């Protein structure tokens, strides 16, 4: 939207919020003294935002921090604080806003970006803002999860509360510190457990810098240590990351460089994650259970990226990795993890982590699978050991698990098939599985399970090697491996 950028220069000085000059510190202190909760934080926030020309005082020289903030005032603060000028793709029209009003370009920008709403064209510029609305707006403006922003707002938040200018300034100033930066630098690094680092930056990473391929280029260690998956921003933190690594050597001194520059040293931890039990879940797959009540939490429940989809399981750990008086160990990403499973009287077998199974169905139970073609022998006792997990009950007697039947297949696109089993396999046990589609002429195509697509007994399988289904063709569905029974399930593409 160009309208805002065209108007901005002319309106910065004439804005109804008054002068853009920073107010004297003693004025801020005098006003902040009337706020019993976090007065010093509000004082600092208003001063910072004033210096950034995001928040201006009134013509009488006050900042009005105890006054309710209007939607018009908040719109301007959000646009300026988060650099939202000219980002909207549409130009909304209002029934209650003068086109020449100082706040019109800000209101239009936020409505166009769905940060604020104007039902039936009514923006309600003089309307007040609840604490819940403020949290939602800041979350959208920052593009950060709501749970983190809500956590920052807890110093003043109440369900029925309406936002003051001081409260808005405080939350926006905190969120402003959480704007991602391409030039973020590491300020501290330490080992949390044998496979996890806690790394704090001076600003959050950009999405591009968080991506695994890029992060693996940027994070370099000595002593053979490697990053095993992308760094994940902790929920509620400004710029602290959970960073998964290969298994560290206990007591070893490691040096980390980030983007080619020295970023700190740390000592490898011997701390193993406390898992309660190993148990079989399929003819070739077993799981390791970890319990939150024992002080172990999967990283999926405490990272910003997943907080919106984890429901009541999502929560915030403070800088000491504690919540509600309990300190937690964190299971970082299972990517590339391995454990050893040994049959009684037999040779050890390396089992690899089954992707996207470490925290599904509200449980912390990462799955591990034997090498292709191998199965657990019923009646044999197996013991699981690991260099990164301490398992309280590591042994189980294998049972016979009957493969499930494929009872239905449906084309949902020219490259994807929905496969229905005779019952729900549970906990993403579709993961890592494949099927073969055979046409009447004997032509074959392979489809592999799409991670996290399971809905009960149904999972989505995508054709490999850019394969396409042929209209008017009937395919017989055959499982690859013994995870399901070959049946007469057929797929006719319309």
Protein backbone atom coordinates (compact mmCIF):
# COMPACT_ATOMS: atom_id res chain seq x y z
CA UNK A 1 0.00 0.00 0.00
CA UNK A 2 1.57 3.29 -1.13
CA UNK A 3 -0.98 5.51 0.54
CA UNK A 4 0.66 5.24 3.94
CA UNK A 5 4.16 5.98 2.72
CA UNK A 6 2.90 9.03 0.81
CA UNK A 7 1.12 10.40 3.85
CA UNK A 8 3.62 9.44 6.49
CA UNK A 9 6.06 12.31 6.19
CA UNK A 10 3.30 14.90 6.25
CA UNK A 11 1.53 13.37 9.19
CA UNK A 12 4.38 12.51 11.53
CA UNK A 13 4.51 16.05 12.91
CA UNK A 14 0.80 16.81 12.70
CA UNK A 15 -0.41 13.57 14.32
CA UNK A 16 -3.07 14.10 16.93
CA UNK A 17 -0.86 12.45 19.53
CA UNK A 18 1.17 15.61 19.77
CA UNK A 19 4.88 16.40 19.55
CA UNK A 20 7.36 13.73 18.45
CA UNK A 21 10.10 14.93 20.78
CA UNK A 22 11.12 12.66 23.67
CA UNK A 23 9.75 13.93 26.93
CA UNK A 24 12.05 14.69 29.85
CA UNK A 25 12.77 11.66 32.01
CA UNK A 26 11.36 13.31 35.13
CA UNK A 27 7.96 13.64 33.44
CA UNK A 28 7.97 9.96 32.58
CA UNK A 29 9.01 9.08 36.12
CA UNK A 30 6.24 11.19 37.61
CA UNK A 31 3.58 9.51 35.52
CA UNK A 32 5.02 6.03 36.03
CA UNK A 33 4.92 6.47 39.79
CA UNK A 34 1.12 6.33 39.64
CA UNK A 35 1.24 2.80 38.20
CA UNK A 36 1.87 0.33 41.03
CA UNK A 37 2.58 -2.62 38.69
CA UNK A 38 5.81 -2.60 36.65
CA UNK A 39 6.11 1.19 36.87
CA UNK A 40 9.81 1.13 36.04
CA UNK A 41 9.19 -1.06 33.01
CA UNK A 42 6.47 1.26 31.72
CA UNK A 43 8.74 4.26 32.21
CA UNK A 44 11.54 2.63 30.28
CA UNK A 45 9.17 1.41 27.56
CA UNK A 46 7.63 4.80 26.92
CA UNK A 47 11.05 6.42 26.78
CA UNK A 48 12.35 3.83 24.30
CA UNK A 49 9.27 4.12 22.07
CA UNK A 50 9.44 7.88 22.23
CA UNK A 51 13.07 7.83 21.06
CA UNK A 52 12.03 5.49 18.24
CA UNK A 53 9.30 7.98 17.28
CA UNK A 54 6.73 5.24 17.80
CA UNK A 55 4.96 6.85 20.76
CA UNK A 56 4.37 10.56 21.22
CA UNK A 57 3.10 12.54 24.16
CA UNK A 58 0.23 14.98 24.42
CA UNK A 59 0.48 18.71 23.94
CA UNK A 60 0.53 19.23 27.72
CA UNK A 61 3.86 17.40 27.90
CA UNK A 62 2.55 14.16 29.40
CA UNK A 63 2.57 10.65 27.98
CA UNK A 64 -0.87 9.79 29.34
CA UNK A 65 0.24 6.31 30.35
CA UNK A 66 -2.78 5.74 32.61
CA UNK A 67 -5.27 6.76 29.92
CA UNK A 68 -7.03 4.07 27.86
CA UNK A 69 -5.40 3.71 24.49
CA UNK A 70 -7.67 4.19 21.50
CA UNK A 71 -7.69 1.96 18.44
CA UNK A 72 -6.42 4.90 16.39
CA UNK A 73 -3.44 5.45 18.71
CA UNK A 74 -2.62 1.77 18.83
CA UNK A 75 -2.80 1.44 15.05
CA UNK A 76 -0.12 4.07 14.64
CA UNK A 77 2.12 2.52 17.30
CA UNK A 78 1.91 -0.94 15.77
CA UNK A 79 2.63 0.21 12.23
CA UNK A 80 5.66 2.26 13.27
CA UNK A 81 7.04 -0.22 15.82
CA UNK A 82 7.00 -3.20 13.47
CA UNK A 83 7.71 -1.51 10.16
CA UNK A 84 4.36 -2.41 8.61
CA UNK A 85 4.20 0.49 6.17
CA UNK A 86 3.01 -0.42 2.67
CA UNK A 87 2.68 -4.14 3.41
CA UNK A 88 -1.06 -4.50 2.84
CA UNK A 89 -2.30 -5.68 -0.55
CA UNK A 90 -5.74 -4.07 -0.47
CA UNK A 91 -7.12 -0.64 0.33
CA UNK A 92 -10.02 -0.99 2.78
CA UNK A 93 -12.74 1.63 2.95
CA UNK A 94 -14.26 2.90 6.20
CA UNK A 95 -17.64 4.34 7.05
CA UNK A 96 -16.46 6.09 10.23
CA UNK A 97 -13.02 7.39 9.29
CA UNK A 98 -12.30 10.73 7.62
CA UNK A 99 -9.90 10.07 4.71
CA UNK A 100 -7.80 13.00 5.93
CA UNK A 101 -7.63 11.86 9.56
CA UNK A 102 -4.08 11.45 10.89
CA UNK A 103 -4.70 7.80 11.78
CA UNK A 104 -6.41 6.76 8.52
CA UNK A 105 -3.29 5.35 6.79
CA UNK A 106 -2.38 3.34 9.88
CA UNK A 107 -5.89 1.99 10.29
CA UNK A 108 -6.05 1.08 6.61
CA UNK A 109 -2.70 -0.69 6.79
CA UNK A 110 -3.60 -2.84 9.77
CA UNK A 111 -7.04 -3.77 8.46
CA UNK A 112 -5.50 -4.70 5.10
CA UNK A 113 -3.05 -6.97 6.94
CA UNK A 114 -5.79 -8.49 9.15
CA UNK A 115 -4.10 -7.23 12.30
CA UNK A 116 -7.14 -5.10 13.16
CA UNK A 117 -10.70 -5.62 11.98
CA UNK A 118 -13.33 -3.21 10.66
CA UNK A 119 -16.59 -5.15 10.37
CA UNK A 120 -19.00 -3.54 7.92
CA UNK A 121 -16.41 -0.83 7.33
CA UNK A 122 -16.47 0.45 10.92
CA UNK A 123 -12.98 0.93 12.35
CA UNK A 124 -14.14 2.57 15.60
CA UNK A 125 -11.06 4.82 15.98
CA UNK A 126 -12.01 6.05 19.48
CA UNK A 127 -12.82 2.56 20.75
CA UNK A 128 -10.81 1.04 23.60
CA UNK A 129 -8.75 -2.14 23.39
CA UNK A 130 -9.00 -5.10 25.75
CA UNK A 131 -5.89 -6.88 26.98
CA UNK A 132 -6.86 -9.95 24.94
CA UNK A 133 -7.23 -7.84 21.78
CA UNK A 134 -3.86 -6.20 22.40
CA UNK A 135 -2.16 -9.59 22.68
CA UNK A 136 -3.73 -10.77 19.43
CA UNK A 137 -2.78 -7.60 17.56
CA UNK A 138 0.83 -7.60 18.77
CA UNK A 139 1.12 -11.29 17.94
CA UNK A 140 -0.03 -10.70 14.36
CA UNK A 141 2.09 -7.58 13.93
CA UNK A 142 5.23 -9.38 15.13
CA UNK A 143 4.30 -12.67 13.45
CA UNK A 144 4.99 -14.43 16.74
CA UNK A 145 2.90 -17.04 18.53
CA UNK A 146 0.09 -15.79 20.77
CA UNK A 147 1.31 -17.80 23.76
CA UNK A 148 4.61 -15.91 23.84
CA UNK A 149 2.97 -12.51 23.58
CA UNK A 150 0.42 -13.47 26.22
CA UNK A 151 3.31 -14.51 28.49
CA UNK A 152 4.95 -11.10 28.08
CA UNK A 153 1.64 -9.41 28.91
CA UNK A 154 1.07 -11.28 32.17
CA UNK A 155 2.56 -8.41 34.19
CA UNK A 156 -0.64 -6.45 33.62
CA UNK A 157 -3.08 -8.83 31.93
CA UNK A 158 -6.61 -9.41 33.20
CA UNK A 159 -9.54 -11.01 31.42
CA UNK A 160 -11.74 -7.93 31.78
CA UNK A 161 -8.91 -5.41 31.53
CA UNK A 162 -8.78 -2.55 29.05
CA UNK A 163 -5.40 -1.41 27.82
CA UNK A 164 -3.76 1.81 28.94
CA UNK A 165 -1.20 3.66 26.88
CA UNK A 166 1.48 2.59 29.35
CA UNK A 167 0.53 -1.07 29.13
CA UNK A 168 0.51 -0.94 25.34
CA UNK A 169 3.91 0.74 25.38
CA UNK A 170 5.30 -1.94 27.67
CA UNK A 171 4.11 -4.87 25.54
CA UNK A 172 5.09 -3.26 22.24
CA UNK A 173 8.57 -2.45 23.54
CA UNK A 174 9.09 -6.04 24.65
CA UNK A 175 7.81 -7.35 21.32
CA UNK A 176 10.01 -4.84 19.47
CA UNK A 177 13.05 -6.58 20.96
CA UNK A 178 11.76 -9.82 19.43
CA UNK A 179 11.88 -8.61 15.81
CA UNK A 180 14.04 -11.11 13.85
CA UNK A 181 17.39 -9.91 12.57
CA UNK A 182 19.57 -11.16 9.74
CA UNK A 183 22.55 -9.98 11.81
CA UNK A 184 21.68 -11.75 15.07
CA UNK A 185 24.72 -12.71 17.17
CA UNK A 186 25.08 -15.37 19.85
CA UNK A 187 25.42 -14.00 23.38
CA UNK A 188 25.53 -17.28 25.33
CA UNK A 189 25.66 -21.04 24.79
CA UNK A 190 25.55 -23.96 27.21
CA UNK A 191 24.82 -27.65 27.13
CA UNK A 192 21.53 -28.75 28.67
CA UNK A 193 21.87 -32.49 28.17
CA UNK A 194 23.75 -34.97 25.99
CA UNK A 195 21.88 -33.93 22.82
CA UNK A 196 20.68 -30.39 23.51
CA UNK A 197 22.16 -26.89 23.67
CA UNK A 198 20.53 -23.71 24.90
CA UNK A 199 21.72 -20.83 22.71
CA UNK A 200 20.72 -17.19 23.22
CA UNK A 201 21.07 -14.52 20.54
CA UNK A 202 20.84 -10.74 20.79
CA UNK A 203 17.79 -10.93 18.48
CA UNK A 204 15.69 -13.74 17.01
CA UNK A 205 16.83 -15.41 13.82
CA UNK A 206 15.04 -14.85 10.55
CA UNK A 207 13.02 -17.70 9.08
CA UNK A 208 15.74 -18.26 6.48
CA UNK A 209 18.44 -18.51 9.15
CA UNK A 210 16.38 -20.99 11.19
CA UNK A 211 16.02 -23.38 8.23
CA UNK A 212 18.01 -26.57 8.81
CA UNK A 213 20.16 -26.39 5.69
CA UNK A 214 21.19 -22.80 6.45
CA UNK A 215 21.59 -23.41 10.19
CA UNK A 216 23.84 -26.39 9.50
CA UNK A 217 26.09 -24.10 7.46
CA UNK A 218 26.11 -21.43 10.16
CA UNK A 219 26.54 -23.58 13.31
CA UNK A 220 30.00 -25.17 13.31
CA UNK A 221 31.55 -27.15 16.17
CA UNK A 222 34.90 -28.76 16.82
CA UNK A 223 35.43 -32.32 18.13
CA UNK A 224 33.16 -33.78 15.46
CA UNK A 225 29.92 -32.41 16.94
CA UNK A 226 27.14 -31.56 14.47
CA UNK A 227 23.75 -29.90 14.40
CA UNK A 228 21.05 -32.56 13.88
CA UNK A 229 18.07 -30.31 13.18
CA UNK A 230 17.04 -26.67 13.04
CA UNK A 231 17.24 -24.42 16.13
CA UNK A 232 13.83 -23.76 17.69
CA UNK A 233 12.84 -20.57 19.49
CA UNK A 234 11.56 -21.19 23.02
CA UNK A 235 8.00 -20.07 23.71
CA UNK A 236 7.95 -16.89 25.80
CA UNK A 237 11.61 -16.05 25.19
CA UNK A 238 12.87 -13.12 23.19
CA UNK A 239 15.69 -14.93 21.40
CA UNK A 240 16.67 -18.15 23.21
CA UNK A 241 16.82 -21.34 21.15
CA UNK A 242 16.72 -25.07 21.78
CA UNK A 243 19.46 -26.46 19.53
CA UNK A 244 19.67 -30.23 18.90
CA UNK A 245 23.10 -31.78 18.41
CA UNK A 246 24.64 -35.18 17.91
CA UNK A 247 25.54 -36.92 21.17
CA UNK A 248 28.13 -34.84 23.01
CA UNK A 249 31.24 -36.34 24.60
CA UNK A 250 30.91 -35.90 28.38
CA UNK A 251 33.43 -33.35 29.66
CA UNK A 252 34.71 -32.47 26.20
CA UNK A 253 35.41 -28.82 25.48
CA UNK A 254 33.53 -27.58 22.44
CA UNK A 255 33.92 -24.35 20.49
CA UNK A 256 31.01 -22.97 18.51
CA UNK A 257 31.38 -20.62 15.58
CA UNK A 258 28.37 -18.95 14.04
CA UNK A 259 28.53 -17.63 10.49
CA UNK A 260 32.29 -17.98 10.64
CA UNK A 261 32.76 -16.00 13.86
CA UNK A 262 33.62 -17.35 17.34
CA UNK A 263 30.41 -17.61 19.34
CA UNK A 264 31.38 -19.29 22.60
CA UNK A 265 32.58 -22.46 24.27
CA UNK A 266 30.78 -25.08 26.34
CA UNK A 267 31.44 -28.41 28.01
CA UNK A 268 29.71 -31.53 26.76
CA UNK A 269 27.10 -32.87 29.19
CA UNK A 270 26.81 -36.46 30.33
CA UNK A 271 23.22 -35.87 31.39
CA UNK A 272 20.94 -38.46 29.81
CA UNK A 273 17.22 -37.92 29.42
CA UNK A 274 15.07 -39.85 31.86
CA UNK A 275 12.79 -42.21 29.97
CA UNK A 276 10.47 -44.49 31.91
CA UNK A 277 9.90 -47.48 29.67
CA UNK A 278 10.61 -49.20 26.38
CA UNK A 279 7.71 -51.07 24.78
CA UNK A 280 6.74 -52.65 21.49
CA UNK A 281 4.09 -50.97 19.33
CA UNK A 282 4.33 -52.90 16.04
CA UNK A 283 6.06 -55.93 14.63
CA UNK A 284 9.12 -53.81 13.76
CA UNK A 285 8.72 -50.75 15.95
CA UNK A 286 9.05 -49.84 19.64
CA UNK A 287 8.82 -46.63 21.66
CA UNK A 288 10.49 -44.93 24.60
CA UNK A 289 8.15 -43.21 27.04
CA UNK A 290 8.96 -39.95 28.83
CA UNK A 291 6.64 -38.33 31.36
CA UNK A 292 6.10 -34.66 32.02
CA UNK A 293 5.34 -35.42 35.67
CA UNK A 294 8.89 -36.78 35.93
CA UNK A 295 10.30 -33.45 34.75
CA UNK A 296 10.93 -34.36 31.11
CA UNK A 297 9.23 -32.45 28.30
CA UNK A 298 9.37 -32.79 24.55
CA UNK A 299 10.61 -29.64 22.86
CA UNK A 300 7.43 -29.58 20.76
CA UNK A 301 5.47 -28.40 23.79
CA UNK A 302 7.80 -25.50 24.66
CA UNK A 303 8.77 -23.96 21.32
CA UNK A 304 7.17 -20.97 19.66
CA UNK A 305 6.66 -22.68 16.29
CA UNK A 306 4.42 -25.41 17.71
CA UNK A 307 2.65 -23.60 20.57
CA UNK A 308 -0.49 -22.89 18.58
CA UNK A 309 -1.13 -26.53 17.75
CA UNK A 310 -0.36 -28.26 21.05
CA UNK A 311 -3.39 -27.11 23.02
CA UNK A 312 -3.16 -27.59 26.79
CA UNK A 313 0.14 -29.44 26.40
CA UNK A 314 1.91 -26.23 25.34
CA UNK A 315 3.48 -24.15 28.10
CA UNK A 316 6.29 -21.71 28.79
CA UNK A 317 9.62 -22.52 30.42
CA UNK A 318 11.51 -19.61 31.94
CA UNK A 319 15.21 -18.91 31.44
CA UNK A 320 16.00 -21.64 33.96
CA UNK A 321 13.80 -24.14 32.09
CA UNK A 322 11.34 -24.22 34.96
CA UNK A 323 7.59 -23.82 35.25
CA UNK A 324 5.32 -24.02 38.29
CA UNK A 325 8.33 -24.61 40.52
CA UNK A 326 9.66 -27.60 38.53
CA UNK A 327 12.83 -27.69 36.43
CA UNK A 328 12.47 -29.65 33.20
CA UNK A 329 14.78 -31.63 30.99
CA UNK A 330 14.06 -31.05 27.31
CA UNK A 331 13.97 -33.73 24.63
CA UNK A 332 15.20 -31.92 21.54
CA UNK A 333 14.52 -33.07 18.00
CA UNK A 334 14.59 -36.83 17.38
CA UNK A 335 15.99 -36.31 13.88
CA UNK A 336 18.95 -38.66 13.30
CA UNK A 337 18.63 -40.27 16.74
CA UNK A 338 19.48 -43.92 17.21
CA UNK A 339 19.23 -46.47 20.01
CA UNK A 340 20.49 -50.03 20.33
CA UNK A 341 18.12 -52.94 20.88
CA UNK A 342 19.57 -56.30 21.84
CA UNK A 343 17.69 -59.64 21.84
CA UNK A 344 18.50 -62.02 24.67
CA UNK A 345 21.44 -64.14 23.52
CA UNK A 346 21.67 -62.22 20.25
CA UNK A 347 23.57 -59.41 18.59
CA UNK A 348 22.80 -55.70 19.09
CA UNK A 349 20.66 -54.01 16.43
CA UNK A 350 20.70 -50.27 15.70
CA UNK A 351 17.17 -48.87 15.48
CA UNK A 352 16.52 -45.44 14.01
CA UNK A 353 14.02 -42.79 15.05
CA UNK A 354 10.74 -42.75 13.13
CA UNK A 355 10.26 -39.10 12.05
CA UNK A 356 7.51 -37.04 13.68
CA UNK A 357 6.64 -39.62 16.35
CA UNK A 358 8.19 -38.15 19.48
CA UNK A 359 5.18 -36.16 20.67
CA UNK A 360 1.95 -37.27 19.02
CA UNK A 361 -1.52 -37.92 20.39
CA UNK A 362 -0.59 -35.82 23.42
CA UNK A 363 2.10 -38.30 24.47
CA UNK A 364 5.90 -38.19 24.73
CA UNK A 365 6.78 -41.50 23.14
CA UNK A 366 9.36 -41.34 20.32
CA UNK A 367 9.28 -44.43 18.11
CA UNK A 368 12.25 -46.42 16.78
CA UNK A 369 12.20 -48.96 13.97
CA UNK A 370 14.33 -51.93 13.09
CA UNK A 371 16.22 -51.94 9.77
CA UNK A 372 14.13 -52.64 6.67
CA UNK A 373 12.94 -56.24 6.53
CA UNK A 374 13.65 -57.08 10.19
CA UNK A 375 10.96 -57.77 12.79
CA UNK A 376 10.84 -58.45 16.50
CA UNK A 377 10.60 -62.16 17.33
CA UNK A 378 7.62 -63.02 19.55
CA UNK A 379 8.63 -64.45 22.92
CA UNK A 380 12.14 -62.99 22.85
CA UNK A 381 13.23 -60.45 25.47
CA UNK A 382 14.74 -57.29 24.04
CA UNK A 383 16.72 -54.63 25.95
CA UNK A 384 17.10 -51.06 24.71
CA UNK A 385 20.18 -48.96 25.51
CA UNK A 386 21.18 -45.46 24.48
CA UNK A 387 24.03 -42.97 24.84
CA UNK A 388 21.53 -40.10 25.23
CA UNK A 389 18.67 -41.66 27.26
CA UNK A 390 18.51 -43.43 30.61
CA UNK A 391 15.61 -45.91 30.50
CA UNK A 392 14.17 -47.03 33.83
CA UNK A 393 12.52 -50.15 32.36
CA UNK A 394 14.50 -50.90 29.20
CA UNK A 395 13.36 -54.48 28.48
CA UNK A 396 10.22 -56.01 27.01
CA UNK A 397 9.13 -59.39 25.69
CA UNK A 398 8.15 -59.14 22.05
CA UNK A 399 4.63 -60.12 21.10
CA UNK A 400 2.99 -61.05 17.83
CA UNK A 401 1.46 -58.00 16.13
CA UNK A 402 -0.86 -58.77 13.25
CA UNK A 403 -0.42 -56.31 10.37
CA UNK A 404 -3.46 -54.13 9.69
CA UNK A 405 -5.52 -54.42 6.54
CA UNK A 406 -5.68 -51.76 3.86
CA UNK A 407 -9.42 -51.56 3.30
CA UNK A 408 -9.78 -48.51 1.07
CA UNK A 409 -7.81 -46.19 -1.19
CA UNK A 410 -9.00 -42.90 -2.64
CA UNK A 411 -7.28 -40.51 -5.01
CA UNK A 412 -7.32 -37.01 -3.53
CA UNK A 413 -5.18 -35.47 -6.30
CA UNK A 414 -3.23 -36.64 -9.31
CA UNK A 415 -0.27 -37.36 -7.03
CA UNK A 416 -1.76 -38.26 -3.63
CA UNK A 417 -3.78 -41.17 -2.28
CA UNK A 418 -5.69 -41.50 0.99
CA UNK A 419 -5.11 -44.97 2.47
CA UNK A 420 -7.56 -46.30 5.06
CA UNK A 421 -6.58 -49.13 7.41
CA UNK A 422 -8.90 -51.52 9.22
CA UNK A 423 -8.20 -49.58 12.45
CA UNK A 424 -6.32 -46.53 13.67
CA UNK A 425 -2.60 -47.43 13.90
CA UNK A 426 -2.10 -44.62 16.43
CA UNK A 427 0.81 -42.27 17.08
CA UNK A 428 1.84 -41.79 13.45
CA UNK A 429 2.78 -45.43 12.87
CA UNK A 430 2.06 -44.72 9.21
CA UNK A 431 5.37 -42.80 9.31
CA UNK A 432 8.08 -44.25 7.10
CA UNK A 433 5.68 -46.59 5.30
CA UNK A 434 5.14 -46.99 1.57
CA UNK A 435 2.69 -48.63 -0.79
CA UNK A 436 2.91 -49.79 -4.38
CA UNK A 437 0.25 -48.93 -6.94
CA UNK A 438 -0.01 -51.51 -9.72
CA UNK A 439 -2.08 -50.87 -12.84
CA UNK A 440 -3.71 -53.50 -15.11
CA UNK A 441 -0.65 -53.61 -17.40
CA UNK A 442 1.68 -54.31 -14.49
CA UNK A 443 3.05 -50.78 -14.32
CA UNK A 444 4.14 -49.84 -10.82
CA UNK A 445 4.41 -46.59 -8.85
CA UNK A 446 5.47 -46.05 -5.24
CA UNK A 447 3.74 -43.71 -2.77
CA UNK A 448 5.16 -42.80 0.63
CA UNK A 449 3.35 -41.57 3.72
CA UNK A 450 3.10 -37.81 4.14
CA UNK A 451 4.29 -37.04 7.65
CA UNK A 452 1.67 -35.92 10.17
CA UNK A 453 -1.20 -36.48 7.74
CA UNK A 454 -2.88 -39.23 9.78
CA UNK A 455 -6.51 -38.70 10.68
CA UNK A 456 -7.49 -41.77 12.63
CA UNK A 457 -7.20 -44.80 10.35
CA UNK A 458 -6.53 -42.64 7.26
CA UNK A 459 -3.15 -41.43 6.06
CA UNK A 460 -2.08 -39.55 2.94
CA UNK A 461 0.53 -41.13 0.65
CA UNK A 462 2.31 -39.08 -2.04
CA UNK A 463 3.66 -40.56 -5.25
CA UNK A 464 7.44 -40.52 -5.50
CA UNK A 465 9.64 -39.38 -8.40
CA UNK A 466 6.99 -36.88 -9.54
CA UNK A 467 4.64 -39.74 -10.40
CA UNK A 468 1.08 -39.03 -11.57
CA UNK A 469 -2.10 -41.07 -11.46
CA UNK A 470 -3.66 -41.79 -14.83
CA UNK A 471 -7.35 -40.89 -15.25
CA UNK A 472 -9.56 -43.90 -15.94
CA UNK A 473 -6.98 -46.32 -14.54
CA UNK A 474 -7.59 -48.89 -11.80
CA UNK A 475 -4.72 -49.59 -9.41
CA UNK A 476 -4.23 -52.43 -6.94
CA UNK A 477 -2.73 -51.23 -3.65
CA UNK A 478 0.10 -53.31 -2.20
CA UNK A 479 1.98 -52.45 1.03
CA UNK A 480 5.77 -52.43 0.78
CA UNK A 481 7.00 -54.50 3.70
CA UNK A 482 4.99 -56.32 6.35
CA UNK A 483 3.43 -53.31 8.05
CA UNK A 484 0.05 -54.01 6.43
CA UNK A 485 -1.65 -56.94 4.75
CA UNK A 486 -1.94 -57.09 0.99
CA UNK A 487 -5.64 -57.07 0.23
CA UNK A 488 -7.90 -56.52 -2.75
CA UNK A 489 -8.12 -52.78 -2.10
CA UNK A 490 -8.19 -51.00 -5.44
CA UNK A 491 -8.15 -47.41 -6.55
CA UNK A 492 -9.96 -46.20 -9.65
CA UNK A 493 -8.93 -42.74 -10.80
CA UNK A 494 -11.79 -40.76 -12.27
